[in-house]
Amino acid sequence: MPSLMPSFSPRCVLRRLSGGIALMLAGLASVSNPAWAQHVLTPAQAEHFARLSFPAYQAFLSMPADAARPDDIQRNAAWLEAAFQARGFRTQALPNEGKPVVFAELPAGKPGRKTVLFYMHFDAQPVTPSEWKTDPWTPTLRARDATGQWQTLPWGTLSTGPIDPEWRVFARAAADDKGPIVMFLAAIDALKAAGQLPEVNIKLLLDSEEEKGSPRLHTVMAAHQVLLQSDGLIVYDGAMPANNKPGVSFGNRGSIQLDLTVFGPLSAQHSGHQGNVIPNPALGLSQLLASMKDAEGRVVIPGFYDGVSISEADRQLMAKTAPPAAALAKRLGLARLTPFAANPLEAVQYPSLDILGLSAGQVGAKAANAIPATATASLNIRTVPETPPARMLGLVRQHLVAQGVHLIEGETPTPEERSQFPQLARLTMLAYPSTSTAARVAMDSPLARWVLQGVRAPSQTEPEKVRMIGSTLPMSGAVDVLKMAYVVVPLVNADNNQHGADENMRLGNYLEGVRTIAAMLTTPLP
């Protein structure tokens, strides 16, 4: 197998810059201000430095990065350390059971600046090559033809002539999340060429297991609290709004899994002999699950929504930015959405409870004429900052007891429990420390205002503000361990097919991402 380390050396970027620096310095302009100067790259300047970064982008995407393969992760980590060291960063591979997390820090320039920790991840979703039109680890450049079909262009097209913003690079991790990492490198190159010092101290944490739920990220954070300590954290991950306008998310829900098992007879029993005679645990489980929600989709467990409050101003903002309910229902093949809230965005501001899966015997041709001995459901609760995981587990337990269930503590009921209690069940919670805690930062906080100022600057477009996204990011360690607020800034196109076949990065988003990062780095954090 040929070496997966790129033939491109990160130091080549700095050498290649020399030919264009004189020209670029003449055009690179900053806001004239005696206190600080926010640096906004023009589209042409962003294109210039993006073009210089494309060899690195191609090399980085050519390296498989499945977190299930430690060798993949170590090669990528070594590449990243070299790339950031070439730009003057101090780097360190933080131990993580053979899958190192990469830390990088730019030595302090201006005194008195605040410090921002930037989080991205370099691992990628597993791939099924047969589902892709081309090798997922061989990045290809494509453009749509007159019929709307994608046609491959030579990679060298990126080094000559204007870059069409509608061109796309297809490869696994092109958007999620290697693209933003190389955008960051390009932004640093542009600032260095302009002699522009960042207005914040820069630290980076590059995760190696995000696509696996970052099961040990909180441990890494706990072991390096002093090293990582900063005044705020920015997550460059996720996709921009569907209209491809700038967007900022100020929080996300947490996630826990509850496994509920209802016990019936000691072993499966003949349904002819025992039907109408013994209780069926599958039916008992179904009745318990049905008791948790009403027909409108609201959880009826007492106290489930206690403490959750949404201001009228936030409701109005969500009404303006939420995707149309009818369009979402049509895309998903549904007659309607759950009438839980006024719009989908408002709905995910609350905790939720959903059934992930059910198991009780076999179905279809494999079904046996037997009443099963047990029935199990896996439930997912998405939490919000006002509803911590331990409290939600307690509420579900109380609800089950109120339905007449005796919850056992062991793996199976004891003979005494079987003889005494007609309804027996076991409830357990599975919560990854990295994803169980929800977080939200106020939109008028210093960190939020700093982000909005930087994101707004390149296009002078007001970003779409999302109070809290419904999904979960592996940032519980930042909240629980580092006690640090964080904001999510998506940079990639909404239709990037992340996690699916033919993942891609729209080059217009790549260019704007370089501009956005450069603007944020040259905005002082108050």
Protein backbone atom coordinates (compact mmCIF):
# COMPACT_ATOMS: atom_id res chain seq x y z
CA MET A 1 0.00 0.00 0.00
CA PRO A 2 1.42 3.44 -0.86
CA SER A 3 2.08 5.82 1.99
CA LEU A 4 -0.98 7.77 3.06
CA MET A 5 1.14 10.68 4.25
CA PRO A 6 0.70 13.40 1.64
CA SER A 7 3.45 14.27 -0.79
CA PHE A 8 2.39 17.84 -0.08
CA SER A 9 4.35 19.29 2.82
CA PRO A 10 2.52 21.91 4.90
CA ARG A 11 5.61 24.09 4.65
CA CYS A 12 5.07 24.24 0.90
CA VAL A 13 2.11 26.54 1.49
CA LEU A 14 4.32 29.17 3.07
CA ARG A 15 6.87 28.88 0.26
CA ARG A 16 4.21 29.11 -2.41
CA LEU A 17 2.79 32.21 -0.78
CA SER A 18 5.91 34.23 -1.51
CA GLY A 19 5.08 34.67 -5.19
CA GLY A 20 1.73 36.26 -4.45
CA ILE A 21 2.35 38.10 -1.20
CA ALA A 22 3.40 41.40 -2.74
CA LEU A 23 0.29 41.51 -4.89
CA MET A 24 -2.00 40.47 -2.08
CA LEU A 25 -0.61 42.90 0.46
CA ALA A 26 -1.52 45.75 -1.83
CA GLY A 27 -5.15 44.68 -1.84
CA LEU A 28 -5.64 43.30 1.64
CA ALA A 29 -7.47 45.99 3.60
CA SER A 30 -8.40 46.27 7.23
CA VAL A 31 -10.85 48.48 9.02
CA SER A 32 -8.93 51.53 10.18
CA ASN A 33 -9.23 51.65 13.93
CA PRO A 34 -6.53 52.56 16.45
CA ALA A 35 -7.70 49.85 18.87
CA TRP A 36 -8.10 46.92 16.53
CA ALA A 37 -8.58 46.04 12.88
CA GLN A 38 -11.04 43.41 11.71
CA HIS A 39 -9.65 41.78 8.61
CA VAL A 40 -12.21 40.99 5.91
CA LEU A 41 -10.85 39.18 2.87
CA THR A 42 -12.34 40.14 -0.47
CA PRO A 43 -13.75 37.27 -2.55
CA ALA A 44 -10.70 37.45 -4.84
CA GLN A 45 -8.32 37.27 -1.88
CA ALA A 46 -10.19 34.32 -0.41
CA GLU A 47 -10.01 32.57 -3.78
CA HIS A 48 -6.27 33.15 -3.95
CA PHE A 49 -5.56 31.55 -0.59
CA ALA A 50 -8.14 28.83 -1.10
CA ARG A 51 -6.36 27.89 -4.32
CA LEU A 52 -3.09 27.62 -2.42
CA SER A 53 -4.80 25.33 0.10
CA PHE A 54 -6.30 22.88 -2.41
CA PRO A 55 -3.21 20.61 -2.57
CA ALA A 56 -3.47 20.23 1.21
CA TYR A 57 -7.20 19.63 0.95
CA GLN A 58 -6.66 16.92 -1.66
CA ALA A 59 -3.93 15.23 0.38
CA PHE A 60 -5.94 15.37 3.62
CA LEU A 61 -9.07 13.93 2.00
CA SER A 62 -7.01 11.11 0.48
CA MET A 63 -6.27 9.75 3.95
CA PRO A 64 -8.93 7.34 5.30
CA ALA A 65 -10.02 8.44 8.76
CA ASP A 66 -12.36 5.84 10.25
CA ALA A 67 -12.15 6.06 14.04
CA ALA A 68 -12.55 2.29 14.20
CA ARG A 69 -9.06 2.05 12.66
CA PRO A 70 -6.44 3.57 15.02
CA ASP A 71 -3.76 3.54 12.31
CA ASP A 72 -5.95 5.82 10.17
CA ILE A 73 -6.35 8.24 13.05
CA GLN A 74 -2.64 8.33 13.87
CA ARG A 75 -1.71 9.13 10.24
CA ASN A 76 -4.23 11.96 10.14
CA ALA A 77 -3.08 13.28 13.51
CA ALA A 78 0.56 13.34 12.36
CA TRP A 79 -0.45 15.20 9.19
CA LEU A 80 -2.36 17.79 11.21
CA GLU A 81 0.52 18.38 13.60
CA ALA A 82 2.86 19.00 10.66
CA ALA A 83 0.36 21.32 8.97
CA PHE A 84 -0.13 23.50 12.04
CA GLN A 85 3.55 23.47 13.02
CA ALA A 86 4.38 24.83 9.56
CA ARG A 87 2.25 27.82 10.43
CA GLY A 88 3.95 28.51 13.74
CA PHE A 89 1.61 26.60 16.02
CA ARG A 90 2.75 24.53 18.96
CA THR A 91 1.08 21.13 18.76
CA GLN A 92 0.53 18.19 21.04
CA ALA A 93 -1.07 14.79 20.49
CA LEU A 94 -3.32 14.21 23.51
CA PRO A 95 -3.49 10.50 24.42
CA ASN A 96 -6.84 8.87 23.72
CA GLU A 97 -6.42 5.07 23.78
CA GLY A 98 -4.53 4.95 20.50
CA LYS A 99 -6.66 7.60 18.77
CA PRO A 100 -4.92 10.86 19.67
CA VAL A 101 -6.79 14.14 19.86
CA VAL A 102 -4.70 16.93 18.33
CA PHE A 103 -4.15 20.17 20.24
CA ALA A 104 -2.62 23.23 18.56
CA GLU A 105 -1.90 26.68 19.96
CA LEU A 106 -0.61 29.80 18.26
CA PRO A 107 1.92 31.57 20.52
CA ALA A 108 0.49 34.77 21.97
CA GLY A 109 0.95 37.91 19.91
CA LYS A 110 -0.85 40.93 21.30
CA PRO A 111 -1.02 41.16 25.11
CA GLY A 112 -4.34 41.27 26.90
CA ARG A 113 -6.33 39.33 24.33
CA LYS A 114 -9.00 36.79 25.22
CA THR A 115 -8.47 33.15 24.26
CA VAL A 116 -10.81 31.14 22.04
CA LEU A 117 -10.73 27.35 21.72
CA PHE A 118 -11.82 26.11 18.28
CA TYR A 119 -13.20 22.60 17.98
CA MET A 120 -13.33 20.51 14.80
CA HIS A 121 -12.99 16.79 14.15
CA PHE A 122 -10.93 14.90 11.61
CA ASP A 123 -12.41 11.42 11.85
CA ALA A 124 -14.98 10.42 9.26
CA GLN A 125 -18.08 8.29 8.97
CA PRO A 126 -17.46 4.74 7.73
CA VAL A 127 -18.06 4.24 4.02
CA THR A 128 -19.51 1.59 1.75
CA PRO A 129 -17.45 2.17 -1.43
CA SER A 130 -19.99 0.40 -3.65
CA GLU A 131 -22.53 3.14 -2.87
CA TRP A 132 -20.23 5.86 -4.22
CA LYS A 133 -19.79 6.86 -7.85
CA THR A 134 -16.02 7.18 -7.26
CA ASP A 135 -13.59 6.08 -4.56
CA PRO A 136 -14.64 7.95 -1.41
CA TRP A 137 -10.99 8.47 -0.44
CA THR A 138 -9.99 9.88 -3.82
CA PRO A 139 -11.31 13.45 -3.92
CA THR A 140 -12.83 14.42 -7.25
CA LEU A 141 -13.84 17.81 -8.62
CA ARG A 142 -17.20 17.93 -10.39
CA ALA A 143 -19.43 20.45 -12.15
CA ARG A 144 -23.01 20.16 -13.36
CA ASP A 145 -23.55 20.03 -17.09
CA ALA A 146 -26.46 21.56 -19.00
CA THR A 147 -28.69 18.61 -18.07
CA GLY A 148 -27.91 18.92 -14.37
CA GLN A 149 -25.68 15.85 -14.25
CA TRP A 150 -22.35 15.89 -12.41
CA GLN A 151 -19.29 15.69 -14.65
CA THR A 152 -15.74 15.16 -13.36
CA LEU A 153 -13.18 17.90 -13.94
CA PRO A 154 -9.39 17.51 -13.73
CA TRP A 155 -8.19 18.44 -10.24
CA GLY A 156 -5.69 20.78 -11.88
CA THR A 157 -8.63 22.96 -12.94
CA LEU A 158 -8.48 24.43 -9.43
CA SER A 159 -5.00 25.85 -10.01
CA THR A 160 -5.84 27.89 -13.10
CA GLY A 161 -8.58 30.36 -13.90
CA PRO A 162 -11.53 31.49 -11.80
CA ILE A 163 -13.18 29.07 -9.37
CA ASP A 164 -16.87 28.48 -10.02
CA PRO A 165 -18.60 28.60 -6.62
CA GLU A 166 -20.96 25.83 -7.78
CA TRP A 167 -18.14 23.34 -8.36
CA ARG A 168 -17.94 20.66 -5.70
CA VAL A 169 -15.32 18.37 -4.25
CA PHE A 170 -16.65 14.86 -3.63
CA ALA A 171 -14.98 12.72 -0.94
CA ARG A 172 -15.70 11.33 2.47
CA ALA A 173 -15.14 14.08 5.08
CA ALA A 174 -15.01 16.76 2.37
CA ALA A 175 -17.60 18.66 4.40
CA ASP A 176 -17.80 16.77 7.69
CA ASP A 177 -15.37 17.86 8.99
CA LYS A 178 -12.01 18.03 7.20
CA GLY A 179 -13.16 20.88 4.98
CA PRO A 180 -13.42 23.43 7.81
CA ILE A 181 -9.99 22.40 9.14
CA VAL A 182 -8.32 23.24 5.83
CA MET A 183 -10.38 26.44 5.59
CA PHE A 184 -8.88 27.38 8.96
CA LEU A 185 -5.36 26.74 7.64
CA ALA A 186 -6.09 28.89 4.57
CA ALA A 187 -7.38 31.72 6.78
CA ILE A 188 -4.20 31.61 8.86
CA ASP A 189 -2.12 31.76 5.67
CA ALA A 190 -4.06 34.81 4.48
CA LEU A 191 -3.57 36.67 7.77
CA LYS A 192 0.13 35.84 7.86
CA ALA A 193 0.57 37.10 4.31
CA ALA A 194 -1.10 40.37 5.27
CA GLY A 195 0.97 40.72 8.43
CA GLN A 196 -2.29 40.69 10.38
CA LEU A 197 -2.16 39.38 13.94
CA PRO A 198 -5.28 37.66 15.27
CA GLU A 199 -7.24 39.63 17.84
CA VAL A 200 -7.76 36.52 19.99
CA ASN A 201 -5.37 33.91 21.29
CA ILE A 202 -5.98 30.75 19.29
CA LYS A 203 -6.23 27.19 20.59
CA LEU A 204 -7.58 24.26 18.61
CA LEU A 205 -8.89 20.89 19.69
CA LEU A 206 -9.20 18.45 16.79
CA ASP A 207 -11.26 15.43 17.78
CA SER A 208 -10.52 11.91 16.55
CA GLU A 209 -13.77 10.13 17.47
CA GLU A 210 -16.65 12.55 16.92
CA GLU A 211 -18.38 10.19 14.50
CA LYS A 212 -18.29 7.53 17.22
CA GLY A 213 -19.89 9.86 19.77
CA SER A 214 -16.56 11.07 21.22
CA PRO A 215 -16.87 8.56 24.09
CA ARG A 216 -13.64 9.70 25.79
CA LEU A 217 -13.48 13.38 24.88
CA HIS A 218 -14.61 14.42 28.35
CA THR A 219 -11.75 12.35 29.79
CA VAL A 220 -9.25 14.08 27.51
CA MET A 221 -10.64 17.45 28.55
CA ALA A 222 -10.48 16.56 32.23
CA ALA A 223 -6.85 15.47 31.90
CA HIS A 224 -5.84 18.74 30.18
CA GLN A 225 -8.03 21.37 31.81
CA VAL A 226 -5.24 23.93 32.18
CA LEU A 227 -4.04 23.43 28.61
CA LEU A 228 -7.55 23.87 27.19
CA GLN A 229 -8.78 26.66 29.43
CA SER A 230 -10.18 29.48 27.30
CA ASP A 231 -12.77 32.26 27.32
CA GLY A 232 -15.10 30.43 24.96
CA LEU A 233 -15.33 27.58 22.49
CA ILE A 234 -16.34 27.68 18.83
CA VAL A 235 -17.49 24.55 17.04
CA TYR A 236 -16.97 24.54 13.27
CA ASP A 237 -19.22 21.65 12.36
CA GLY A 238 -22.61 21.04 10.82
CA ALA A 239 -24.36 22.47 7.77
CA MET A 240 -25.56 25.98 7.05
CA PRO A 241 -29.29 26.79 6.68
CA ALA A 242 -31.02 25.45 3.58
CA ASN A 243 -30.88 28.89 1.95
CA ASN A 244 -27.07 28.81 2.38
CA LYS A 245 -27.06 32.06 4.31
CA PRO A 246 -24.80 32.43 7.37
CA GLY A 247 -26.15 30.77 10.47
CA VAL A 248 -25.17 30.42 14.12
CA SER A 249 -26.47 27.94 16.68
CA PHE A 250 -26.34 28.85 20.34
CA GLY A 251 -27.01 25.49 21.91
CA ASN A 252 -27.99 21.87 21.48
CA ARG A 253 -29.98 19.24 23.29
CA GLY A 254 -28.36 16.46 25.26
CA SER A 255 -29.09 12.77 24.75
CA ILE A 256 -29.62 9.73 26.95
CA GLN A 257 -30.89 6.24 26.22
CA LEU A 258 -33.24 4.33 28.54
CA ASP A 259 -33.73 0.59 28.15
CA LEU A 260 -37.02 -0.69 29.54
CA THR A 261 -37.54 -4.46 29.84
CA VAL A 262 -40.85 -5.96 30.94
CA PHE A 263 -40.74 -9.52 32.29
CA GLY A 264 -43.33 -12.25 31.67
CA PRO A 265 -43.04 -16.01 32.24
CA LEU A 266 -39.72 -17.71 33.00
CA SER A 267 -39.59 -18.84 29.36
CA ALA A 268 -41.64 -18.34 26.21
CA GLN A 269 -44.98 -20.15 26.42
CA HIS A 270 -47.30 -21.74 23.85
CA SER A 271 -49.78 -19.06 22.78
CA GLY A 272 -52.52 -21.66 22.30
CA HIS A 273 -52.16 -23.17 25.74
CA GLN A 274 -51.50 -19.92 27.60
CA GLY A 275 -53.30 -17.22 25.59
CA ASN A 276 -55.89 -15.55 27.88
CA VAL A 277 -54.15 -17.27 30.78
CA ILE A 278 -50.86 -15.46 31.39
CA PRO A 279 -49.90 -11.79 30.95
CA ASN A 280 -48.01 -10.97 27.75
CA PRO A 281 -44.94 -8.78 28.39
CA ALA A 282 -45.06 -7.38 24.83
CA LEU A 283 -48.56 -6.06 25.45
CA GLY A 284 -47.54 -4.79 28.89
CA LEU A 285 -44.60 -2.92 27.40
CA SER A 286 -46.81 -1.44 24.67
CA GLN A 287 -49.30 -0.19 27.24
CA LEU A 288 -46.55 1.40 29.32
CA LEU A 289 -45.10 3.14 26.29
CA ALA A 290 -48.53 4.37 25.21
CA SER A 291 -49.06 5.81 28.68
CA MET A 292 -46.09 8.16 28.23
CA LYS A 293 -47.40 10.33 25.36
CA ASP A 294 -50.74 11.67 24.15
CA ALA A 295 -52.16 11.75 20.64
CA GLU A 296 -50.62 15.18 19.99
CA GLY A 297 -47.12 13.91 20.73
CA ARG A 298 -46.73 15.56 24.13
CA VAL A 299 -45.12 13.57 26.93
CA VAL A 300 -47.62 13.21 29.78
CA ILE A 301 -45.12 12.07 32.40
CA PRO A 302 -45.65 14.55 35.27
CA GLY A 303 -42.90 17.20 35.43
CA PHE A 304 -41.34 16.32 32.06
CA TYR A 305 -41.41 19.93 30.79
CA ASP A 306 -41.07 21.71 34.14
CA GLY A 307 -38.72 24.69 34.07
CA VAL A 308 -38.66 25.04 30.28
CA SER A 309 -39.60 28.53 29.17
CA ILE A 310 -39.35 30.26 25.81
CA SER A 311 -39.69 34.00 25.48
CA GLU A 312 -42.06 35.58 22.99
CA ALA A 313 -39.11 37.20 21.23
CA ASP A 314 -37.50 33.78 20.76
CA ARG A 315 -40.77 32.37 19.46
CA GLN A 316 -41.03 35.11 16.88
CA LEU A 317 -37.43 34.58 15.79
CA MET A 318 -38.03 30.84 15.36
CA ALA A 319 -41.21 31.46 13.39
CA LYS A 320 -39.17 33.49 10.88
CA THR A 321 -36.36 30.98 10.44
CA ALA A 322 -38.03 27.58 10.89
CA PRO A 323 -38.41 25.35 7.80
CA PRO A 324 -42.01 25.25 6.49
CA ALA A 325 -43.86 22.41 8.17
CA ALA A 326 -45.70 21.38 5.00
CA ALA A 327 -42.51 21.19 2.96
CA LEU A 328 -40.76 19.13 5.64
CA ALA A 329 -43.70 16.74 5.89
CA LYS A 330 -43.76 16.31 2.10
CA ARG A 331 -40.00 15.64 1.97
CA LEU A 332 -40.39 12.94 4.64
CA GLY A 333 -43.46 11.37 3.02
CA LEU A 334 -45.84 12.31 5.83
CA ALA A 335 -49.37 13.73 5.80
CA ARG A 336 -48.48 16.07 8.65
CA LEU A 337 -45.95 16.70 11.39
CA THR A 338 -46.64 16.09 15.06
CA PRO A 339 -48.70 19.10 16.23
CA PHE A 340 -46.45 19.59 19.23
CA ALA A 341 -45.47 23.21 18.64
CA ALA A 342 -46.03 26.08 16.22
CA ASN A 343 -43.10 25.04 14.02
CA PRO A 344 -40.33 22.41 13.87
CA LEU A 345 -37.68 24.73 15.31
CA GLU A 346 -39.78 25.57 18.36
CA ALA A 347 -40.54 21.88 18.88
CA VAL A 348 -36.88 20.99 19.45
CA GLN A 349 -36.50 23.61 22.18
CA TYR A 350 -38.23 21.17 24.52
CA PRO A 351 -37.12 17.77 25.81
CA SER A 352 -38.40 14.83 23.78
CA LEU A 353 -39.00 11.13 24.29
CA ASP A 354 -38.94 8.66 21.41
CA ILE A 355 -38.90 4.91 20.89
CA LEU A 356 -35.71 3.81 19.16
CA GLY A 357 -36.56 0.14 18.87
CA LEU A 358 -38.66 -2.73 20.22
CA SER A 359 -37.77 -6.38 20.75
CA ALA A 360 -40.11 -9.20 21.78
CA GLY A 361 -39.85 -12.51 19.98
CA GLN A 362 -39.81 -12.76 16.18
CA VAL A 363 -42.10 -11.42 13.45
CA GLY A 364 -43.24 -12.42 9.97
CA ALA A 365 -42.17 -15.82 8.72
CA LYS A 366 -39.88 -16.22 11.74
CA ALA A 367 -42.67 -15.65 14.27
CA ALA A 368 -43.34 -18.52 16.69
CA ASN A 369 -46.70 -19.29 18.29
CA ALA A 370 -45.32 -18.30 21.65
CA ILE A 371 -45.87 -15.61 24.25
CA PRO A 372 -42.41 -14.10 24.77
CA ALA A 373 -40.69 -14.20 28.13
CA THR A 374 -39.54 -10.57 27.91
CA ALA A 375 -40.10 -7.44 25.88
CA THR A 376 -37.63 -4.56 25.64
CA ALA A 377 -37.78 -1.03 24.29
CA SER A 378 -34.90 1.40 23.88
CA LEU A 379 -36.00 4.98 24.44
CA ASN A 380 -34.19 8.19 23.62
CA ILE A 381 -34.67 11.31 25.71
CA ARG A 382 -33.27 14.54 24.32
CA THR A 383 -32.65 16.87 27.22
CA VAL A 384 -32.46 20.66 27.43
CA PRO A 385 -30.45 22.68 29.98
CA GLU A 386 -33.44 22.87 32.34
CA THR A 387 -33.97 19.08 32.32
CA PRO A 388 -30.76 17.22 33.33
CA PRO A 389 -30.47 13.48 32.64
CA ALA A 390 -30.71 12.27 36.25
CA ARG A 391 -33.95 14.17 36.74
CA MET A 392 -35.48 12.74 33.56
CA LEU A 393 -34.54 9.20 34.58
CA GLY A 394 -36.20 9.81 37.94
CA LEU A 395 -39.39 11.08 36.32
CA VAL A 396 -39.68 8.01 34.10
CA ARG A 397 -39.11 5.73 37.09
CA GLN A 398 -41.82 7.53 39.07
CA HIS A 399 -44.22 7.24 36.14
CA LEU A 400 -43.67 3.51 35.79
CA VAL A 401 -44.22 2.95 39.51
CA ALA A 402 -47.43 4.98 39.27
CA GLN A 403 -48.61 2.53 36.58
CA GLY A 404 -48.23 -0.33 39.05
CA VAL A 405 -44.79 -1.52 37.90
CA HIS A 406 -42.24 -2.93 40.32
CA LEU A 407 -38.77 -2.00 39.09
CA ILE A 408 -36.13 -4.61 39.85
CA GLU A 409 -32.50 -3.76 40.59
CA GLY A 410 -30.85 -6.91 39.24
CA GLU A 411 -30.63 -8.38 35.77
CA THR A 412 -33.65 -10.64 36.25
CA PRO A 413 -36.41 -10.86 38.90
CA THR A 414 -35.83 -12.98 41.93
CA PRO A 415 -38.27 -15.82 42.74
CA GLU A 416 -39.66 -13.68 45.55
CA GLU A 417 -40.29 -10.76 43.20
CA ARG A 418 -41.97 -13.05 40.67
CA SER A 419 -44.34 -14.40 43.30
CA GLN A 420 -45.15 -10.99 44.80
CA PHE A 421 -45.46 -8.44 41.97
CA PRO A 422 -47.73 -8.85 38.90
CA GLN A 423 -45.82 -6.25 36.81
CA LEU A 424 -42.05 -6.52 36.75
CA ALA A 425 -39.64 -4.37 34.75
CA ARG A 426 -36.06 -3.16 34.66
CA LEU A 427 -35.08 0.39 33.67
CA THR A 428 -31.49 1.33 32.91
CA MET A 429 -29.87 4.48 31.54
CA LEU A 430 -27.08 4.63 28.99
CA ALA A 431 -25.51 8.07 28.69
CA TYR A 432 -22.22 8.93 27.03
CA PRO A 433 -20.60 11.59 29.22
CA SER A 434 -19.68 13.49 26.07
CA THR A 435 -23.27 13.88 24.85
CA SER A 436 -25.60 13.69 27.83
CA THR A 437 -25.53 17.36 28.83
CA ALA A 438 -27.49 19.99 26.94
CA ALA A 439 -26.11 23.50 26.61
CA ARG A 440 -27.28 26.92 25.53
CA VAL A 441 -25.63 30.34 25.56
CA ALA A 442 -27.57 33.61 25.66
CA MET A 443 -27.66 35.37 22.31
CA ASP A 444 -26.70 38.67 23.95
CA SER A 445 -23.66 37.22 25.78
CA PRO A 446 -20.16 38.55 24.93
CA LEU A 447 -19.27 35.28 23.20
CA ALA A 448 -22.46 35.33 21.12
CA ARG A 449 -21.99 38.97 20.11
CA TRP A 450 -18.38 38.23 19.09
CA VAL A 451 -19.47 35.33 16.92
CA LEU A 452 -22.24 37.29 15.24
CA GLN A 453 -19.92 40.19 14.47
CA GLY A 454 -17.36 37.92 12.85
CA VAL A 455 -19.87 35.84 10.88
CA ARG A 456 -21.72 38.92 9.67
CA ALA A 457 -18.63 40.75 8.39
CA PRO A 458 -17.76 39.00 5.08
CA SER A 459 -21.14 39.35 3.35
CA GLN A 460 -22.76 41.94 5.63
CA THR A 461 -25.62 39.47 5.92
CA GLU A 462 -27.35 39.07 9.26
CA PRO A 463 -26.84 35.43 10.32
CA GLU A 464 -29.82 33.23 11.01
CA LYS A 465 -29.81 32.72 14.77
CA VAL A 466 -30.86 29.33 16.12
CA ARG A 467 -31.56 29.32 19.85
CA MET A 468 -30.87 25.60 20.15
CA ILE A 469 -30.59 22.77 17.64
CA GLY A 470 -32.40 19.53 18.33
CA SER A 471 -29.45 17.22 17.74
CA THR A 472 -26.57 16.60 20.11
CA LEU A 473 -22.88 17.47 19.88
CA PRO A 474 -20.11 15.81 21.94
CA MET A 475 -19.52 18.94 23.97
CA SER A 476 -20.63 17.87 27.43
CA GLY A 477 -17.00 17.91 28.51
CA ALA A 478 -16.76 21.58 27.60
CA VAL A 479 -19.77 22.33 29.78
CA ASP A 480 -19.20 19.90 32.64
CA VAL A 481 -15.39 19.79 32.80
CA LEU A 482 -14.12 23.05 31.35
CA LYS A 483 -17.17 25.09 32.45
CA MET A 484 -17.01 26.79 29.08
CA ALA A 485 -19.78 28.23 26.90
CA TYR A 486 -19.72 27.32 23.24
CA VAL A 487 -21.33 28.40 19.97
CA VAL A 488 -21.72 26.38 16.77
CA VAL A 489 -20.79 28.05 13.47
CA PRO A 490 -21.63 25.86 10.45
CA LEU A 491 -19.66 26.58 7.28
CA VAL A 492 -20.60 23.89 4.75
CA ASN A 493 -23.47 23.61 2.27
CA ALA A 494 -26.72 22.16 3.56
CA ASP A 495 -26.87 19.54 0.77
CA ASN A 496 -23.42 18.10 1.44
CA ASN A 497 -24.64 14.50 1.96
CA GLN A 498 -22.66 14.14 5.16
CA HIS A 499 -22.77 10.59 6.53
CA GLY A 500 -24.08 9.40 3.15
CA ALA A 501 -22.74 8.44 -0.24
CA ASP A 502 -21.19 11.16 -2.42
CA GLU A 503 -20.48 13.58 0.42
CA ASN A 504 -19.39 16.87 -1.08
CA MET A 505 -18.21 20.40 -0.42
CA ARG A 506 -19.53 23.30 -2.50
CA LEU A 507 -16.54 25.51 -3.28
CA GLY A 508 -18.56 28.69 -2.81
CA ASN A 509 -18.99 27.62 0.82
CA TYR A 510 -15.30 26.82 1.07
CA LEU A 511 -14.34 30.33 -0.09
CA GLU A 512 -16.85 32.00 2.24
CA GLY A 513 -15.67 29.76 5.07
CA VAL A 514 -12.13 31.09 4.69
CA ARG A 515 -13.49 34.65 4.81
CA THR A 516 -15.65 33.93 7.86
CA ILE A 517 -12.82 32.36 9.84
CA ALA A 518 -10.43 35.20 8.99
CA ALA A 519 -13.03 37.77 10.09
CA MET A 520 -13.69 35.96 13.37
CA LEU A 521 -9.99 35.62 14.19
CA THR A 522 -9.48 39.36 13.72
CA THR A 523 -12.44 40.41 15.86
CA PRO A 524 -11.53 41.03 19.53
CA LEU A 525 -13.53 39.11 22.10
CA PRO A 526 -14.79 41.60 24.73
